[in-house]
Amino acid sequence: MKFSFPAQTCSPHLVLLNDIARRYTSLLAELLVKQQLPETWVKAVCITLDFDVIADTAQLYDSPTQGEPFKRLGQRVEDNGQRLFSLICDRC
């Protein structure tokens, strides 16, 4: 899933993905305000959700009360070309 910030649209265009894009856009906007960074510094954002995770990763977060494991890779491109990445493994 890729989405533009602050347009809150994503590709591919699906209702569920647009809801996810709006949620992540809202979270990003809140973090930028909290860190006193202007939105104009963000050129692009790409978030990849992977639900086909390897067993080792799933075992790290193994709990009968949680949902399916996933990986979330986030990439933010700044207006100066700098790329920032984050990788999170969690459960739904």
N, C-alpha and C. Protein backbone atom coordinates (compact mmCIF):
# COMPACT_ATOMS: atom_id res chain seq x y z
N MET A 1 0.85 -1.17 0.00
CA MET A 1 0.00 0.00 0.00
C MET A 1 0.89 1.23 0.00
N LYS A 2 0.61 2.15 -0.86
CA LYS A 2 1.30 3.43 -0.87
C LYS A 2 0.26 4.53 -0.72
N PHE A 3 0.60 5.56 0.03
CA PHE A 3 -0.33 6.67 0.13
C PHE A 3 0.41 7.99 0.14
N SER A 4 -0.30 9.01 -0.32
CA SER A 4 0.31 10.33 -0.37
C SER A 4 -0.07 11.11 0.87
N PHE A 5 0.86 11.91 1.33
CA PHE A 5 0.64 12.73 2.52
C PHE A 5 0.70 14.18 2.10
N PRO A 6 -0.22 15.03 2.40
CA PRO A 6 -1.37 14.82 3.28
C PRO A 6 -2.66 14.50 2.54
N ALA A 7 -2.61 14.03 1.29
CA ALA A 7 -3.83 13.82 0.50
C ALA A 7 -4.73 12.71 1.04
N GLN A 8 -4.18 11.79 1.82
CA GLN A 8 -4.93 10.69 2.42
C GLN A 8 -5.55 9.76 1.38
N THR A 9 -4.85 9.53 0.29
CA THR A 9 -5.30 8.56 -0.70
C THR A 9 -4.23 7.48 -0.84
N CYS A 10 -4.66 6.31 -1.31
CA CYS A 10 -3.70 5.23 -1.42
C CYS A 10 -3.86 4.50 -2.74
N SER A 11 -2.87 3.67 -3.01
CA SER A 11 -2.87 2.83 -4.19
C SER A 11 -2.57 1.41 -3.74
N PRO A 12 -3.30 0.38 -4.11
CA PRO A 12 -4.50 0.43 -4.93
C PRO A 12 -5.68 1.05 -4.18
N HIS A 13 -6.65 1.53 -4.93
CA HIS A 13 -7.80 2.22 -4.34
C HIS A 13 -8.85 1.19 -3.91
N LEU A 14 -8.93 0.98 -2.61
CA LEU A 14 -9.95 0.13 -2.02
C LEU A 14 -10.46 0.85 -0.77
N VAL A 15 -11.71 0.68 -0.44
CA VAL A 15 -12.30 1.38 0.71
C VAL A 15 -11.52 1.09 1.99
N LEU A 16 -11.22 -0.18 2.25
CA LEU A 16 -10.49 -0.54 3.46
C LEU A 16 -9.11 0.11 3.48
N LEU A 17 -8.41 0.07 2.34
CA LEU A 17 -7.08 0.66 2.29
C LEU A 17 -7.14 2.17 2.47
N ASN A 18 -8.18 2.80 1.93
CA ASN A 18 -8.32 4.25 2.14
C ASN A 18 -8.54 4.57 3.61
N ASP A 19 -9.28 3.72 4.33
CA ASP A 19 -9.46 3.92 5.77
C ASP A 19 -8.12 3.79 6.50
N ILE A 20 -7.34 2.80 6.11
CA ILE A 20 -6.01 2.61 6.71
C ILE A 20 -5.12 3.80 6.38
N ALA A 21 -5.17 4.28 5.14
CA ALA A 21 -4.35 5.43 4.73
C ALA A 21 -4.74 6.67 5.53
N ARG A 22 -6.03 6.89 5.73
CA ARG A 22 -6.47 8.04 6.54
C ARG A 22 -5.96 7.93 7.98
N ARG A 23 -6.01 6.74 8.53
CA ARG A 23 -5.55 6.53 9.91
C ARG A 23 -4.05 6.80 10.03
N TYR A 24 -3.25 6.24 9.12
CA TYR A 24 -1.80 6.46 9.17
C TYR A 24 -1.45 7.91 8.88
N THR A 25 -2.18 8.55 8.00
CA THR A 25 -1.94 9.96 7.71
C THR A 25 -2.21 10.80 8.95
N SER A 26 -3.29 10.48 9.66
CA SER A 26 -3.62 11.18 10.89
C SER A 26 -2.53 10.99 11.95
N LEU A 27 -2.06 9.76 12.09
CA LEU A 27 -0.98 9.49 13.05
C LEU A 27 0.29 10.24 12.69
N LEU A 28 0.64 10.25 11.41
CA LEU A 28 1.84 10.96 10.96
C LEU A 28 1.71 12.46 11.22
N ALA A 29 0.54 13.01 10.92
CA ALA A 29 0.33 14.44 11.15
C ALA A 29 0.48 14.78 12.63
N GLU A 30 -0.05 13.93 13.50
CA GLU A 30 0.08 14.15 14.95
C GLU A 30 1.54 14.09 15.38
N LEU A 31 2.29 13.14 14.84
CA LEU A 31 3.71 13.03 15.20
C LEU A 31 4.52 14.23 14.71
N LEU A 32 4.19 14.73 13.52
CA LEU A 32 4.89 15.90 13.00
C LEU A 32 4.64 17.12 13.89
N VAL A 33 3.40 17.30 14.31
CA VAL A 33 3.07 18.42 15.21
C VAL A 33 3.82 18.26 16.53
N LYS A 34 3.80 17.05 17.06
CA LYS A 34 4.45 16.78 18.34
C LYS A 34 5.95 17.10 18.28
N GLN A 35 6.57 16.81 17.13
CA GLN A 35 8.00 17.06 16.97
C GLN A 35 8.29 18.43 16.36
N GLN A 36 7.25 19.22 16.17
CA GLN A 36 7.36 20.58 15.62
C GLN A 36 8.04 20.59 14.26
N LEU A 37 7.62 19.66 13.40
CA LEU A 37 8.13 19.57 12.03
C LEU A 37 7.02 19.96 11.06
N PRO A 38 7.31 20.80 10.08
CA PRO A 38 6.27 21.19 9.11
C PRO A 38 5.94 20.06 8.13
N GLU A 39 4.67 19.95 7.74
CA GLU A 39 4.24 18.93 6.77
C GLU A 39 4.98 19.06 5.45
N THR A 40 5.41 20.26 5.10
CA THR A 40 6.08 20.47 3.82
C THR A 40 7.42 19.75 3.74
N TRP A 41 7.95 19.31 4.87
CA TRP A 41 9.21 18.56 4.86
C TRP A 41 9.01 17.12 4.40
N VAL A 42 7.77 16.64 4.38
CA VAL A 42 7.48 15.27 3.97
C VAL A 42 7.10 15.26 2.50
N LYS A 43 7.92 14.60 1.69
CA LYS A 43 7.66 14.52 0.25
C LYS A 43 6.79 13.31 -0.09
N ALA A 44 7.05 12.18 0.55
CA ALA A 44 6.29 10.96 0.25
C ALA A 44 6.36 10.01 1.43
N VAL A 45 5.35 9.14 1.53
CA VAL A 45 5.30 8.11 2.56
C VAL A 45 4.86 6.81 1.89
N CYS A 46 5.54 5.73 2.23
CA CYS A 46 5.15 4.41 1.72
C CYS A 46 5.09 3.45 2.91
N ILE A 47 3.98 2.78 3.06
CA ILE A 47 3.81 1.78 4.11
C ILE A 47 3.46 0.46 3.46
N THR A 48 4.22 -0.58 3.83
CA THR A 48 3.96 -1.92 3.32
C THR A 48 3.54 -2.81 4.48
N LEU A 49 2.39 -3.43 4.35
CA LEU A 49 1.91 -4.38 5.35
C LEU A 49 2.07 -5.78 4.78
N ASP A 50 2.80 -6.64 5.49
CA ASP A 50 3.08 -8.00 5.04
C ASP A 50 2.50 -8.97 6.05
N PHE A 51 1.51 -9.75 5.62
CA PHE A 51 0.88 -10.73 6.50
C PHE A 51 1.45 -12.13 6.29
N ASP A 52 2.42 -12.28 5.39
CA ASP A 52 3.07 -13.56 5.12
C ASP A 52 4.42 -13.56 5.83
N VAL A 53 4.40 -13.52 7.16
CA VAL A 53 5.63 -13.42 7.94
C VAL A 53 6.20 -14.79 8.24
N ILE A 54 7.49 -14.86 8.46
CA ILE A 54 8.14 -16.13 8.75
C ILE A 54 7.81 -16.57 10.17
N ALA A 55 7.92 -17.86 10.42
CA ALA A 55 7.54 -18.42 11.71
C ALA A 55 8.34 -17.83 12.86
N ASP A 56 9.63 -17.56 12.65
CA ASP A 56 10.47 -16.99 13.72
C ASP A 56 9.91 -15.67 14.21
N THR A 57 9.48 -14.83 13.29
CA THR A 57 8.92 -13.53 13.66
C THR A 57 7.62 -13.72 14.41
N ALA A 58 6.78 -14.63 13.96
CA ALA A 58 5.50 -14.87 14.60
C ALA A 58 5.69 -15.37 16.03
N GLN A 59 6.71 -16.19 16.27
CA GLN A 59 6.94 -16.73 17.60
C GLN A 59 7.36 -15.65 18.59
N LEU A 60 8.02 -14.61 18.10
CA LEU A 60 8.44 -13.53 18.98
C LEU A 60 7.24 -12.87 19.66
N TYR A 61 6.12 -12.87 18.98
CA TYR A 61 4.93 -12.20 19.48
C TYR A 61 3.80 -13.20 19.69
N ASP A 62 4.13 -14.44 20.00
CA ASP A 62 3.13 -15.49 20.11
C ASP A 62 2.27 -15.29 21.36
N SER A 63 0.98 -15.16 21.14
CA SER A 63 0.05 -15.01 22.24
C SER A 63 -1.32 -15.46 21.77
N PRO A 64 -2.01 -16.30 22.53
CA PRO A 64 -3.32 -16.79 22.09
C PRO A 64 -4.40 -15.71 22.06
N THR A 65 -4.15 -14.57 22.70
CA THR A 65 -5.18 -13.53 22.75
C THR A 65 -5.03 -12.49 21.64
N GLN A 66 -4.01 -12.64 20.80
CA GLN A 66 -3.77 -11.66 19.74
C GLN A 66 -4.10 -12.24 18.38
N GLY A 67 -4.21 -11.33 17.37
CA GLY A 67 -4.55 -11.73 16.01
C GLY A 67 -3.35 -12.24 15.23
N GLU A 68 -3.49 -12.24 13.93
CA GLU A 68 -2.45 -12.75 13.04
C GLU A 68 -1.22 -11.82 13.03
N PRO A 69 -0.02 -12.41 12.92
CA PRO A 69 1.19 -11.59 12.88
C PRO A 69 1.34 -10.86 11.55
N PHE A 70 2.02 -9.73 11.59
CA PHE A 70 2.32 -8.99 10.37
C PHE A 70 3.59 -8.16 10.56
N LYS A 71 4.16 -7.74 9.45
CA LYS A 71 5.28 -6.80 9.46
C LYS A 71 4.81 -5.51 8.81
N ARG A 72 5.23 -4.38 9.37
CA ARG A 72 4.91 -3.08 8.77
C ARG A 72 6.22 -2.37 8.50
N LEU A 73 6.48 -2.12 7.22
CA LEU A 73 7.67 -1.38 6.81
C LEU A 73 7.22 0.01 6.40
N GLY A 74 7.77 1.02 7.05
CA GLY A 74 7.44 2.40 6.72
C GLY A 74 8.64 3.11 6.13
N GLN A 75 8.40 3.89 5.10
CA GLN A 75 9.45 4.71 4.48
C GLN A 75 8.92 6.12 4.31
N ARG A 76 9.68 7.09 4.77
CA ARG A 76 9.31 8.49 4.60
C ARG A 76 10.44 9.19 3.85
N VAL A 77 10.07 9.92 2.81
CA VAL A 77 11.05 10.68 2.02
C VAL A 77 10.87 12.15 2.36
N GLU A 78 11.96 12.76 2.82
CA GLU A 78 11.94 14.18 3.18
C GLU A 78 12.10 15.04 1.93
N ASP A 79 11.79 16.32 2.04
CA ASP A 79 11.91 17.23 0.89
C ASP A 79 13.36 17.39 0.44
N ASN A 80 14.33 17.07 1.32
CA ASN A 80 15.75 17.16 0.94
C ASN A 80 16.29 15.85 0.37
N GLY A 81 15.40 14.85 0.19
CA GLY A 81 15.79 13.57 -0.38
C GLY A 81 16.16 12.51 0.64
N GLN A 82 16.30 12.88 1.89
CA GLN A 82 16.64 11.91 2.93
C GLN A 82 15.51 10.90 3.07
N ARG A 83 15.87 9.61 3.23
CA ARG A 83 14.89 8.54 3.40
C ARG A 83 15.01 7.97 4.81
N LEU A 84 13.87 7.85 5.48
CA LEU A 84 13.82 7.31 6.83
C LEU A 84 12.98 6.03 6.80
N PHE A 85 13.44 4.99 7.50
CA PHE A 85 12.75 3.70 7.48
C PHE A 85 12.42 3.24 8.89
N SER A 86 11.36 2.46 9.03
CA SER A 86 11.06 1.77 10.28
C SER A 86 10.43 0.43 9.95
N LEU A 87 10.77 -0.58 10.75
CA LEU A 87 10.22 -1.93 10.58
C LEU A 87 9.65 -2.36 11.92
N ILE A 88 8.38 -2.75 11.91
CA ILE A 88 7.70 -3.19 13.13
C ILE A 88 7.05 -4.53 12.86
N CYS A 89 7.24 -5.48 13.78
CA CYS A 89 6.55 -6.76 13.73
C CYS A 89 5.54 -6.75 14.86
N ASP A 90 4.31 -7.12 14.55
CA ASP A 90 3.25 -7.06 15.55
C ASP A 90 2.14 -8.02 15.17
N ARG A 91 1.04 -7.94 15.86
CA ARG A 91 -0.14 -8.74 15.54
C ARG A 91 -1.34 -7.81 15.36
N CYS A 92 -2.31 -8.27 14.56
CA CYS A 92 -3.52 -7.49 14.29
C CYS A 92 -4.34 -7.29 15.53
